[in-house]
Protein backbone atom coordinates (compact mmCIF):
# COMPACT_ATOMS: atom_id res chain seq x y z
CA MET A 1 0.00 0.00 0.00
CA THR A 2 1.17 3.52 -0.78
CA ALA A 3 0.48 6.71 1.14
CA PRO A 4 -2.89 8.17 0.05
CA PHE A 5 -1.30 11.19 -1.67
CA ILE A 6 1.59 11.68 -4.09
CA GLU A 7 3.23 15.08 -4.49
CA ILE A 8 3.49 16.57 -7.96
CA ALA A 9 4.94 19.89 -9.13
CA ASP A 10 4.47 23.12 -7.18
CA GLY A 11 3.60 21.33 -3.94
CA HIS A 12 0.27 19.96 -5.16
CA GLN A 13 -0.93 16.43 -4.42
CA LEU A 14 -2.76 13.61 -6.18
CA PHE A 15 -5.04 11.29 -4.23
CA ILE A 16 -4.16 7.63 -4.86
CA ARG A 17 -6.12 4.39 -4.55
CA ASP A 18 -3.81 1.35 -4.50
CA TRP A 19 -5.54 -1.99 -3.90
CA GLY A 20 -4.35 -5.58 -3.84
CA LYS A 21 -1.26 -7.38 -5.07
CA GLY A 22 -0.11 -8.89 -8.34
CA ALA A 23 0.57 -7.48 -11.79
CA PRO A 24 -0.23 -3.74 -11.71
CA VAL A 25 -3.12 -2.14 -13.59
CA LEU A 26 -3.25 1.67 -13.53
CA PHE A 27 -6.55 3.40 -14.33
CA LEU A 28 -6.99 6.89 -15.83
CA ALA A 29 -10.46 8.44 -15.73
CA GLY A 30 -11.92 10.52 -18.54
CA TRP A 31 -12.87 14.19 -18.54
CA GLY A 32 -14.45 15.39 -15.31
CA MET A 33 -14.32 12.01 -13.58
CA ASP A 34 -12.12 10.80 -10.76
CA SER A 35 -10.84 7.46 -9.45
CA THR A 36 -14.23 6.66 -7.88
CA CYS A 37 -15.64 5.70 -11.28
CA TRP A 38 -13.33 2.69 -11.50
CA GLY A 39 -14.32 1.11 -8.16
CA ALA A 40 -16.30 -1.88 -9.42
CA THR A 41 -13.80 -2.74 -12.15
CA MET A 42 -10.85 -2.41 -9.78
CA ALA A 43 -12.46 -4.62 -7.14
CA ALA A 44 -13.32 -7.25 -9.76
CA LEU A 45 -9.69 -7.35 -10.88
CA ASN A 46 -8.50 -7.70 -7.27
CA THR A 47 -10.48 -10.94 -7.06
CA ARG A 48 -8.50 -12.11 -10.12
CA GLY A 49 -5.20 -11.56 -8.33
CA LEU A 50 -4.25 -8.20 -9.82
CA ARG A 51 -3.11 -4.98 -8.20
CA THR A 52 -5.27 -2.00 -9.16
CA ILE A 53 -4.26 1.65 -8.91
CA ALA A 54 -6.17 4.81 -9.74
CA TYR A 55 -5.74 8.45 -8.86
CA ASP A 56 -7.70 11.68 -9.01
CA ARG A 57 -6.32 13.91 -11.73
CA ARG A 58 -5.22 17.41 -10.68
CA GLY A 59 -8.28 19.54 -9.90
CA HIS A 60 -10.50 16.45 -9.58
CA GLY A 61 -11.80 14.50 -6.60
CA ARG A 62 -9.58 14.68 -3.54
CA SER A 63 -6.50 15.94 -5.38
CA THR A 64 -5.47 19.58 -5.02
CA ASP A 65 -6.22 22.22 -7.64
CA PRO A 66 -3.27 23.95 -9.32
CA GLY A 67 -5.73 25.76 -11.62
CA ARG A 68 -3.62 24.62 -14.59
CA ILE A 69 -4.02 21.64 -16.88
CA ASP A 70 -3.02 20.47 -20.33
CA PHE A 71 -1.89 17.18 -21.81
CA ASP A 72 1.79 17.80 -21.12
CA LEU A 73 1.09 18.51 -17.45
CA ILE A 74 -1.11 15.47 -16.87
CA ALA A 75 1.30 13.23 -18.81
CA ASP A 76 4.02 14.41 -16.44
CA ASP A 77 1.71 13.75 -13.46
CA LEU A 78 1.24 10.21 -14.75
CA ALA A 79 5.02 9.81 -14.99
CA THR A 80 5.36 10.99 -11.39
CA VAL A 81 2.81 8.42 -10.18
CA ILE A 82 4.49 5.59 -12.09
CA GLU A 83 7.93 6.55 -10.83
CA LYS A 84 6.97 7.14 -7.19
CA LEU A 85 5.09 3.83 -7.03
CA ASP A 86 8.03 2.22 -8.88
CA LEU A 87 5.71 0.54 -11.37
CA HIS A 88 7.12 -1.69 -14.09
CA ASP A 89 5.30 -3.76 -16.72
CA VAL A 90 2.14 -1.86 -15.85
CA THR A 91 -1.04 -2.03 -17.91
CA VAL A 92 -2.58 1.43 -18.27
CA VAL A 93 -6.35 1.56 -18.75
CA ALA A 94 -7.40 4.94 -20.14
CA HIS A 95 -11.02 6.05 -20.52
CA SER A 96 -12.17 8.63 -23.04
CA SER A 97 -9.85 11.68 -23.13
CA ALA A 98 -7.27 9.80 -21.04
CA ALA A 99 -6.33 8.01 -24.28
CA GLY A 100 -4.48 11.20 -25.19
CA GLU A 101 -3.00 11.37 -21.69
CA VAL A 102 -1.25 8.01 -22.04
CA LEU A 103 -0.18 8.72 -25.62
CA ARG A 104 1.43 11.97 -24.48
CA TYR A 105 3.06 10.13 -21.57
CA VAL A 106 4.71 7.69 -23.99
CA SER A 107 5.91 10.46 -26.31
CA ARG A 108 7.37 12.48 -23.40
CA HIS A 109 8.65 9.72 -21.11
CA GLY A 110 9.00 6.60 -23.26
CA PRO A 111 7.27 3.21 -23.11
CA SER A 112 9.77 1.26 -21.00
CA ARG A 113 7.60 0.94 -17.86
CA LEU A 114 4.42 -0.03 -19.72
CA ALA A 115 3.38 -3.54 -20.72
CA HIS A 116 0.08 -2.77 -22.45
CA ILE A 117 -2.38 0.06 -23.03
CA VAL A 118 -6.15 -0.43 -22.91
CA MET A 119 -8.19 2.46 -24.31
CA VAL A 120 -11.84 2.37 -23.23
CA GLY A 121 -14.02 4.60 -25.38
CA GLY A 122 -10.88 6.48 -26.38
CA GLN A 123 -11.51 10.10 -27.40
CA GLY A 124 -9.54 11.40 -30.38
CA PRO A 125 -7.24 11.11 -32.20
CA CYS A 126 -8.17 14.51 -33.70
CA LEU A 127 -11.58 16.04 -33.11
CA VAL A 128 -11.63 19.12 -35.34
CA ALA A 129 -12.39 18.49 -39.01
CA GLY A 130 -10.05 20.00 -41.56
CA PRO A 131 -8.59 19.46 -45.01
CA ASP A 132 -6.37 16.68 -43.66
CA ASN A 133 -8.94 15.33 -41.19
CA PRO A 134 -12.25 14.42 -42.85
CA TYR A 135 -13.11 12.23 -39.84
CA GLY A 136 -13.40 15.17 -37.42
CA LEU A 137 -16.32 17.29 -36.31
CA PRO A 138 -17.04 20.88 -37.36
CA ARG A 139 -15.33 23.38 -35.09
CA GLU A 140 -18.64 25.21 -34.70
CA ALA A 141 -20.21 22.14 -33.06
CA LEU A 142 -17.27 21.72 -30.69
CA GLU A 143 -17.40 25.40 -29.75
CA GLN A 144 -21.09 25.02 -28.92
CA VAL A 145 -20.18 22.29 -26.45
CA MET A 146 -17.53 24.55 -24.93
CA ALA A 147 -20.08 27.34 -24.54
CA SER A 148 -22.55 24.99 -22.84
CA LEU A 149 -19.91 23.81 -20.39
CA HIS A 150 -19.01 27.39 -19.57
CA ASP A 151 -22.54 28.80 -19.28
CA ASP A 152 -24.56 25.96 -17.72
CA LEU A 153 -22.50 22.92 -16.84
CA PRO A 154 -25.22 21.27 -14.68
CA ALA A 155 -27.76 21.41 -17.52
CA TRP A 156 -25.27 20.01 -20.03
CA LEU A 157 -24.39 17.15 -17.70
CA GLU A 158 -28.04 16.32 -17.06
CA ALA A 159 -28.78 16.24 -20.79
CA ASN A 160 -25.87 13.91 -21.49
CA ALA A 161 -26.09 11.61 -18.46
CA GLU A 162 -28.49 9.04 -19.91
CA PRO A 163 -26.59 8.67 -23.21
CA PHE A 164 -23.39 8.19 -21.18
CA ALA A 165 -24.76 5.30 -19.11
CA PRO A 166 -28.09 4.05 -20.51
CA GLY A 167 -30.12 2.11 -17.96
CA ALA A 168 -28.14 3.33 -14.95
CA SER A 169 -30.21 4.15 -11.86
CA ARG A 170 -30.93 7.71 -10.84
CA THR A 171 -28.70 7.18 -7.81
CA VAL A 172 -25.77 6.27 -10.05
CA ILE A 173 -26.44 9.20 -12.39
CA ASP A 174 -26.61 11.64 -9.48
CA GLY A 175 -23.30 10.30 -8.19
CA LEU A 176 -21.64 10.82 -11.57
CA LEU A 177 -22.97 14.37 -11.86
CA ALA A 178 -21.79 15.22 -8.35
CA MET A 179 -18.35 13.79 -9.13
CA ILE A 180 -17.93 16.18 -12.05
CA LEU A 181 -19.52 19.21 -10.41
CA ASN A 182 -17.23 18.83 -7.40
CA GLY A 183 -14.19 19.24 -9.65
CA SER A 184 -12.41 22.50 -10.42
CA ARG A 185 -14.43 24.44 -13.00
CA ARG A 186 -11.23 26.08 -14.26
CA VAL A 187 -9.58 22.70 -14.78
CA LEU A 188 -12.67 21.20 -16.41
CA LEU A 189 -12.95 24.00 -18.95
CA ASP A 190 -9.24 24.06 -19.74
CA LEU A 191 -9.07 20.27 -20.12
CA GLN A 192 -12.02 20.29 -22.50
CA ARG A 193 -10.30 23.00 -24.54
CA ALA A 194 -7.15 20.86 -24.64
CA ILE A 195 -9.23 17.89 -25.82
CA VAL A 196 -10.79 19.95 -28.62
CA GLU A 197 -7.45 21.27 -29.86
CA ALA A 198 -5.38 18.07 -29.50
CA ASP A 199 -4.06 16.07 -32.42
CA PHE A 200 -2.71 12.68 -31.38
CA ARG A 201 -2.51 11.13 -34.83
CA ALA A 202 1.27 11.17 -35.06
CA GLU A 203 1.70 9.91 -31.49
CA ALA A 204 -0.76 7.08 -32.11
CA ALA A 205 1.00 6.03 -35.32
CA ALA A 206 4.37 6.06 -33.55
CA LEU A 207 3.21 3.82 -30.71
CA ARG A 208 5.10 0.54 -30.42
CA LEU A 209 3.26 -1.09 -27.53
CA PRO A 210 0.49 -3.66 -27.45
CA VAL A 211 -2.81 -1.75 -27.46
CA THR A 212 -6.35 -2.99 -26.95
CA LEU A 213 -9.24 -0.68 -27.87
CA ILE A 214 -12.53 -1.41 -26.11
CA HIS A 215 -15.38 0.62 -27.55
CA GLY A 216 -19.17 0.52 -27.42
CA ASP A 217 -21.03 0.84 -30.70
CA ARG A 218 -23.60 3.12 -28.98
CA ASP A 219 -20.95 5.55 -27.76
CA ALA A 220 -22.36 9.06 -28.31
CA SER A 221 -19.47 10.87 -26.61
CA ALA A 222 -16.78 9.20 -28.74
CA PRO A 223 -18.55 7.67 -31.77
CA LEU A 224 -16.89 4.43 -32.76
CA ASP A 225 -16.29 5.31 -36.43
CA LEU A 226 -14.76 8.70 -35.58
CA THR A 227 -12.57 7.55 -32.69
CA GLY A 228 -12.09 3.85 -31.94
CA ARG A 229 -11.83 2.76 -35.56
CA ARG A 230 -9.50 5.68 -36.31
CA TYR A 231 -7.18 4.65 -33.49
CA ALA A 232 -7.34 1.05 -34.71
CA ALA A 233 -6.23 2.19 -38.17
CA LEU A 234 -3.42 4.37 -36.82
CA ILE A 235 -1.87 2.23 -34.05
CA PRO A 236 0.23 -0.64 -35.42
CA GLY A 237 -1.19 -4.01 -34.37
CA ALA A 238 -3.99 -2.59 -32.22
CA GLU A 239 -6.79 -4.94 -31.20
CA LEU A 240 -10.31 -3.48 -31.46
CA VAL A 241 -12.97 -5.05 -29.23
CA VAL A 242 -16.47 -3.71 -29.95
CA TYR A 243 -19.15 -4.00 -27.26
CA GLU A 244 -22.48 -4.18 -29.06
CA GLY A 245 -25.25 -2.05 -27.58
CA VAL A 246 -22.88 -0.36 -25.11
CA ALA A 247 -22.34 3.39 -24.65
CA HIS A 248 -19.47 5.53 -23.34
CA GLY A 249 -19.70 4.76 -19.63
CA VAL A 250 -18.50 1.17 -19.96
CA MET A 251 -17.06 1.02 -16.43
CA VAL A 252 -20.43 2.11 -15.04
CA THR A 253 -22.71 -0.17 -17.05
CA HIS A 254 -20.43 -3.19 -17.72
CA PRO A 255 -17.67 -3.22 -15.07
CA HIS A 256 -17.36 -7.02 -14.85
CA ARG A 257 -17.19 -7.54 -18.59
CA LEU A 258 -14.57 -4.81 -18.76
CA ALA A 259 -12.62 -6.40 -15.90
CA ALA A 260 -12.63 -9.74 -17.71
CA ASP A 261 -11.17 -8.20 -20.86
CA ILE A 262 -8.54 -6.28 -18.90
CA ALA A 263 -7.58 -9.46 -17.05
CA ARG A 264 -7.21 -11.28 -20.38
CA VAL A 265 -4.87 -8.54 -21.60
CA VAL A 266 -2.79 -8.53 -18.41
CA THR A 267 -2.53 -12.31 -18.31
CA GLY A 268 -1.26 -12.31 -21.89
CA ALA A 269 1.26 -9.57 -21.14
CA VAL A 270 2.57 -11.44 -18.07
CA ALA A 271 2.88 -14.67 -20.07
CA LYS A 272 4.90 -12.90 -22.79
CA ALA A 273 7.19 -11.31 -20.19
CA ALA A 274 7.85 -14.70 -18.61
């Protein structure tokens, strides 16, 4: 077990959950969410003999709020966590926008400590449409989302909660909304801007690690054809696993199925290392 907080730059701290023993699996939450969202999946993997680790990103959950965030900063935070926990041969599970977080980590810090990457509903690789990116979305539509987040975040969250986790109870939905609303508004807005402007196509194509892409075909936040299939085409040797009838909040609606697929990936990585 580690101490519950890890210090990052400028005296700020990240809250850490570190459960169990065995091969390590490190979880990165998507935009607005914190380590709480992974609870069921992490516990299911503990019963399979794996160590599970998650942390609250800067400005989220119980971590402190530097009021600054971009992909370079959070990639460096990830490096600090991996180094301070002395993790090796770790499988990183990245939800939604955290796909870019782990890609940036590899480009800035190298792949040597990672065994496998699992992207769950990975957002990206490049959201804004342009002459060289016919798979993107119009900037006007993305700017409308930014305006909604700035002007009435609670209303935007309420409107998008059911598409995120169809069939989830009202109690679960309320918990998810509270998780996001309790985060730093400055950090949430700046991270969303970073997501809109990011282009991870070159970093994805340069990746030389085993990658599994788990994606629901009802994902409204990161539509499969615009995101998951694009990553599958860009990342050499990537495995694409499509969950039929499943939306973006896979860890909320299908935590045990997700845990089983992660365990399969980790078991294969351990066998190759041996």
